[in-house]
C-alpha atoms as a PDB file:
ATOM      1  CA  MET A   1     -15.253 -24.041 -58.836  1.00  0.00           C
ATOM      2  CA  ILE A   2     -11.847 -23.120 -59.856  1.00  0.00           C
ATOM      3  CA  GLY A   3     -12.166 -24.647 -63.329  1.00  0.00           C
ATOM      4  CA  ARG A   4     -15.338 -22.706 -64.074  1.00  0.00           C
ATOM      5  CA  GLU A   5     -13.546 -19.530 -63.002  1.00  0.00           C
ATOM      6  CA  LEU A   6     -10.761 -20.241 -64.989  1.00  0.00           C
ATOM      7  CA  ASN A   7     -12.806 -20.810 -67.976  1.00  0.00           C
ATOM      8  CA  LYS A   8     -14.636 -17.335 -67.644  1.00  0.00           C
ATOM      9  CA  LEU A   9     -11.285 -15.451 -67.260  1.00  0.00           C
ATOM     10  CA  SER A  10      -9.961 -17.326 -70.304  1.00  0.00           C
ATOM     11  CA  LYS A  11     -13.223 -16.297 -72.306  1.00  0.00           C
ATOM     12  CA  ILE A  12     -12.869 -12.715 -71.108  1.00  0.00           C
ATOM     13  CA  ILE A  13      -9.108 -12.493 -72.061  1.00  0.00           C
ATOM     14  CA  ASN A  14      -9.939 -14.255 -75.647  1.00  0.00           C
ATOM     15  CA  ASP A  15     -12.794 -11.802 -76.173  1.00  0.00           C
ATOM     16  CA  MET A  16     -10.732  -8.719 -75.500  1.00  0.00           C
ATOM     17  CA  ALA A  17      -9.492  -6.934 -78.555  1.00  0.00           C
ATOM     18  CA  PRO A  18      -5.715  -7.393 -79.345  1.00  0.00           C
ATOM     19  CA  VAL A  19      -3.678  -4.540 -78.059  1.00  0.00           C
ATOM     20  CA  SER A  20      -2.418  -3.581 -81.491  1.00  0.00           C
ATOM     21  CA  GLU A  21      -5.945  -3.086 -82.637  1.00  0.00           C
ATOM     22  CA  VAL A  22      -6.723  -0.546 -79.951  1.00  0.00           C
ATOM     23  CA  PRO A  23      -6.179   3.066 -80.241  1.00  0.00           C
ATOM     24  CA  ALA A  24      -2.802   4.177 -79.087  1.00  0.00           C
ATOM     25  CA  PHE A  25      -4.032   6.243 -76.156  1.00  0.00           C
ATOM     26  CA  VAL A  26      -6.138   3.342 -74.830  1.00  0.00           C
ATOM     27  CA  ARG A  27      -3.354   0.771 -75.104  1.00  0.00           C
ATOM     28  CA  PRO A  28      -1.683   0.936 -71.710  1.00  0.00           C
ATOM     29  CA  LYS A  29      -5.058   0.753 -69.899  1.00  0.00           C
ATOM     30  CA  SER A  30      -6.019  -2.213 -72.224  1.00  0.00           C
ATOM     31  CA  ARG A  31      -2.761  -3.950 -71.596  1.00  0.00           C
ATOM     32  CA  ARG A  32      -2.952  -3.403 -67.907  1.00  0.00           C
ATOM     33  CA  GLU A  33      -6.484  -4.842 -67.627  1.00  0.00           C
ATOM     34  CA  LYS A  34      -5.417  -7.928 -69.920  1.00  0.00           C
ATOM     35  CA  ASN A  35      -2.548  -8.508 -67.520  1.00  0.00           C
ATOM     36  CA  LYS A  36      -4.552  -8.374 -64.386  1.00  0.00           C
ATOM     37  CA  ILE A  37      -6.990 -10.826 -65.696  1.00  0.00           C
ATOM     38  CA  ALA A  38      -4.074 -13.120 -66.843  1.00  0.00           C
ATOM     39  CA  SER A  39      -2.482 -12.737 -63.456  1.00  0.00           C
ATOM     40  CA  ARG A  40      -5.849 -13.795 -61.902  1.00  0.00           C
ATOM     41  CA  ALA A  41      -6.040 -16.798 -64.286  1.00  0.00           C
ATOM     42  CA  CYS A  42      -2.367 -17.885 -63.435  1.00  0.00           C
ATOM     43  CA  ARG A  43      -3.016 -17.544 -59.468  1.00  0.00           C
ATOM     44  CA  LEU A  44      -6.022 -19.830 -60.009  1.00  0.00           C
ATOM     45  CA  LYS A  45      -4.238 -22.347 -61.857  1.00  0.00           C
ATOM     46  CA  LYS A  46      -1.556 -22.538 -59.200  1.00  0.00           C
ATOM     47  CA  LYS A  47      -4.313 -22.811 -56.694  1.00  0.00           C
ATOM     48  CA  ALA A  48      -5.949 -25.731 -58.652  1.00  0.00           C
ATOM     49  CA  HIS A  49      -2.529 -27.551 -59.003  1.00  0.00           C
ATOM     50  CA  HIS A  50      -1.969 -27.112 -55.280  1.00  0.00           C
ATOM     51  CA  GLU A  51      -5.317 -28.680 -54.557  1.00  0.00           C
ATOM     52  CA  ALA A  52      -4.672 -31.541 -56.933  1.00  0.00           C
ATOM     53  CA  ASN A  53      -1.479 -32.234 -55.102  1.00  0.00           C
ATOM     54  CA  LYS A  54      -3.204 -32.285 -51.941  1.00  0.00           C
ATOM     55  CA  LEU A  55      -5.570 -34.886 -53.295  1.00  0.00           C
ATOM     56  CA  LYS A  56      -2.637 -36.917 -54.606  1.00  0.00           C
ATOM     57  CA  LEU A  57      -0.870 -36.754 -51.206  1.00  0.00           C
ATOM     58  CA  PHE A  58      -4.056 -37.771 -49.425  1.00  0.00           C
ATOM     59  CA  GLY A  59      -4.556 -40.922 -51.870  1.00  0.00           C
ATOM     60  CA  LEU A  60      -0.873 -41.604 -51.582  1.00  0.00           C
ATOM     61  CA  GLU A  61      -0.973 -41.715 -47.885  1.00  0.00           C
ATOM     62  CA  ARG A  62      -3.915 -44.146 -47.745  1.00  0.00           C
ATOM     63  CA  GLU A  63      -2.183 -46.263 -50.261  1.00  0.00           C
ATOM     64  CA  HIS A  64       0.852 -46.306 -48.257  1.00  0.00           C
ATOM     65  CA  GLU A  65      -1.194 -47.345 -45.200  1.00  0.00           C
ATOM     66  CA  VAL A  66      -2.669 -50.302 -47.197  1.00  0.00           C
ATOM     67  CA  LEU A  67       0.678 -51.427 -48.488  1.00  0.00           C
ATOM     68  CA  LEU A  68       2.196 -51.350 -44.739  1.00  0.00           C
ATOM     69  CA  ARG A  69      -1.039 -53.257 -43.480  1.00  0.00           C
ATOM     70  CA  VAL A  70      -0.331 -55.903 -46.285  1.00  0.00           C
ATOM     71  CA  ILE A  71       3.413 -56.296 -45.390  1.00  0.00           C
ATOM     72  CA  ARG A  72       2.685 -56.392 -41.837  1.00  0.00           C
ATOM     73  CA  LYS A  73       0.231 -59.396 -42.316  1.00  0.00           C
ATOM     74  CA  VAL A  74       2.613 -61.197 -44.633  1.00  0.00           C
ATOM     75  CA  LYS A  75       5.488 -60.795 -42.119  1.00  0.00           C
ATOM     76  CA  ASN A  76       3.118 -61.997 -39.338  1.00  0.00           C
ATOM     77  CA  GLU A  77       2.418 -64.931 -41.351  1.00  0.00           C
ATOM     78  CA  MET A  78       6.006 -65.831 -42.213  1.00  0.00           C
ATOM     79  CA  ILE A  79       6.859 -65.614 -38.550  1.00  0.00           C
ATOM     80  CA  HIS A  80       4.195 -67.869 -37.648  1.00  0.00           C
ATOM     81  CA  ARG A  81       5.002 -70.336 -40.280  1.00  0.00           C
ATOM     82  CA  TYR A  82       8.537 -70.268 -39.244  1.00  0.00           C
ATOM     83  CA  LYS A  83       7.814 -70.979 -35.692  1.00  0.00           C
ATOM     84  CA  ASN A  84       5.387 -73.832 -36.324  1.00  0.00           C
ATOM     85  CA  PRO A  85       7.008 -75.596 -39.235  1.00  0.00           C
ATOM     86  CA  THR A  86       4.761 -78.716 -38.620  1.00  0.00           C
ATOM     87  CA  VAL A  87       1.448 -76.987 -39.064  1.00  0.00           C
ATOM     88  CA  LYS A  88      -0.242 -77.648 -42.421  1.00  0.00           C
ATOM     89  CA  HIS A  89      -1.505 -74.610 -44.334  1.00  0.00           C
ATOM     90  CA  GLU A  90      -4.486 -74.559 -46.628  1.00  0.00           C
ATOM     91  CA  GLU A  91      -2.590 -72.040 -48.911  1.00  0.00           C
ATOM     92  CA  SER A  92       1.128 -71.487 -49.835  1.00  0.00           C
ATOM     93  CA  GLY A  93       2.956 -68.343 -48.948  1.00  0.00           C
ATOM     94  CA  LEU A  94       2.730 -66.983 -52.475  1.00  0.00           C
ATOM     95  CA  GLU A  95      -1.200 -67.787 -52.617  1.00  0.00           C
ATOM     96  CA  LEU A  96      -1.579 -65.890 -49.239  1.00  0.00           C
ATOM     97  CA  PHE A  97       0.461 -62.969 -50.563  1.00  0.00           C
ATOM     98  CA  GLU A  98      -1.362 -62.849 -53.970  1.00  0.00           C
ATOM     99  CA  ARG A  99      -4.813 -63.134 -51.933  1.00  0.00           C
ATOM    100  CA  LEU A 100      -3.708 -60.353 -49.452  1.00  0.00           C
ATOM    101  CA  ILE A 101      -2.798 -57.955 -52.272  1.00  0.00           C
ATOM    102  CA  ARG A 102      -6.042 -58.812 -54.301  1.00  0.00           C
ATOM    103  CA  ASP A 103      -8.403 -58.288 -51.239  1.00  0.00           C
ATOM    104  CA  ASP A 104      -6.544 -55.436 -49.530  1.00  0.00           C
ATOM    105  CA  MET A 105      -5.527 -53.508 -52.413  1.00  0.00           C
ATOM    106  CA  LEU A 106      -8.873 -53.356 -53.905  1.00  0.00           C
ATOM    107  CA  GLY A 107      -9.709 -49.794 -55.034  1.00  0.00           C
ATOM    108  CA  VAL A 108      -6.184 -48.455 -54.641  1.00  0.00           C
ATOM    109  CA  GLN A 109      -5.310 -46.392 -57.840  1.00  0.00           C
ATOM    110  CA  VAL A 110      -3.483 -43.377 -56.731  1.00  0.00           C
ATOM    111  CA  GLY A 111      -0.507 -44.477 -58.941  1.00  0.00           C
ATOM    112  CA  ASN A 112      -2.825 -43.437 -61.625  1.00  0.00           C
ATOM    113  CA  SER A 113      -3.001 -39.921 -60.139  1.00  0.00           C
ATOM    114  CA  THR A 114      -4.794 -38.234 -63.108  1.00  0.00           C
ATOM    115  CA  GLU A 115      -7.544 -40.780 -63.121  1.00  0.00           C
ATOM    116  CA  PHE A 116      -7.790 -40.472 -59.279  1.00  0.00           C
ATOM    117  CA  ILE A 117      -8.180 -36.709 -59.195  1.00  0.00           C
ATOM    118  CA  THR A 118     -10.537 -36.842 -62.232  1.00  0.00           C
ATOM    119  CA  GLU A 119     -12.786 -39.462 -60.363  1.00  0.00           C
ATOM    120  CA  VAL A 120     -12.669 -37.441 -57.042  1.00  0.00           C
ATOM    121  CA  LEU A 121     -13.908 -34.118 -58.997  1.00  0.00           C
ATOM    122  CA  GLN A 122     -16.563 -36.140 -60.845  1.00  0.00           C
ATOM    123  CA  ASN A 123     -17.681 -37.420 -57.540  1.00  0.00           C
ATOM    124  CA  VAL A 124     -17.838 -33.879 -55.883  1.00  0.00           C
ATOM    125  CA  GLU A 125     -19.746 -32.628 -59.032  1.00  0.00           C
ATOM    126  CA  LYS A 126     -22.341 -35.277 -58.599  1.00  0.00           C
ATOM    127  CA  GLY A 127     -23.020 -34.038 -55.052  1.00  0.00           C
ATOM    128  CA  ASN A 128     -20.723 -36.279 -52.959  1.00  0.00           C
ATOM    129  CA  LEU A 129     -18.930 -33.739 -50.865  1.00  0.00           C
ATOM    130  CA  THR A 130     -16.324 -36.003 -49.864  1.00  0.00           C
ATOM    131  CA  GLY A 131     -15.362 -36.915 -53.440  1.00  0.00           C
ATOM    132  CA  GLY A 132     -15.678 -40.630 -52.458  1.00  0.00           C
ATOM    133  CA  LEU A 133     -12.511 -40.322 -50.317  1.00  0.00           C
ATOM    134  CA  LYS A 134     -12.724 -42.200 -47.083  1.00  0.00           C
ATOM    135  CA  PHE A 135     -11.062 -40.494 -44.133  1.00  0.00           C
END
């Protein structure tokens, strides 16, 4: 999409003859045309960065929700254990915490934003319109 368009524009710019090799009476027009294409490429790059940042934000929001859920579960368990100190628990607090993180944080990888965005883009290229994102 944006990447293909950027590649096309880059190829056009690279295939253009350098302004110094163009006859003097054509230089202003050639320079103007090259600048116009370069401006379009710049706008597309900016748009691509914006879209990537939106993906990062989406992923970070989901990761934040998961972290809050884990913290809530740990908090509730700590309150329960404090209020009922005589009840025997099958796992220690640390084991419970590690299990919750291991189970609930499965698939969380937004901290590695480059890999996250690459994976989403690859999923879209394969035909998955959501990019593998769960809404």
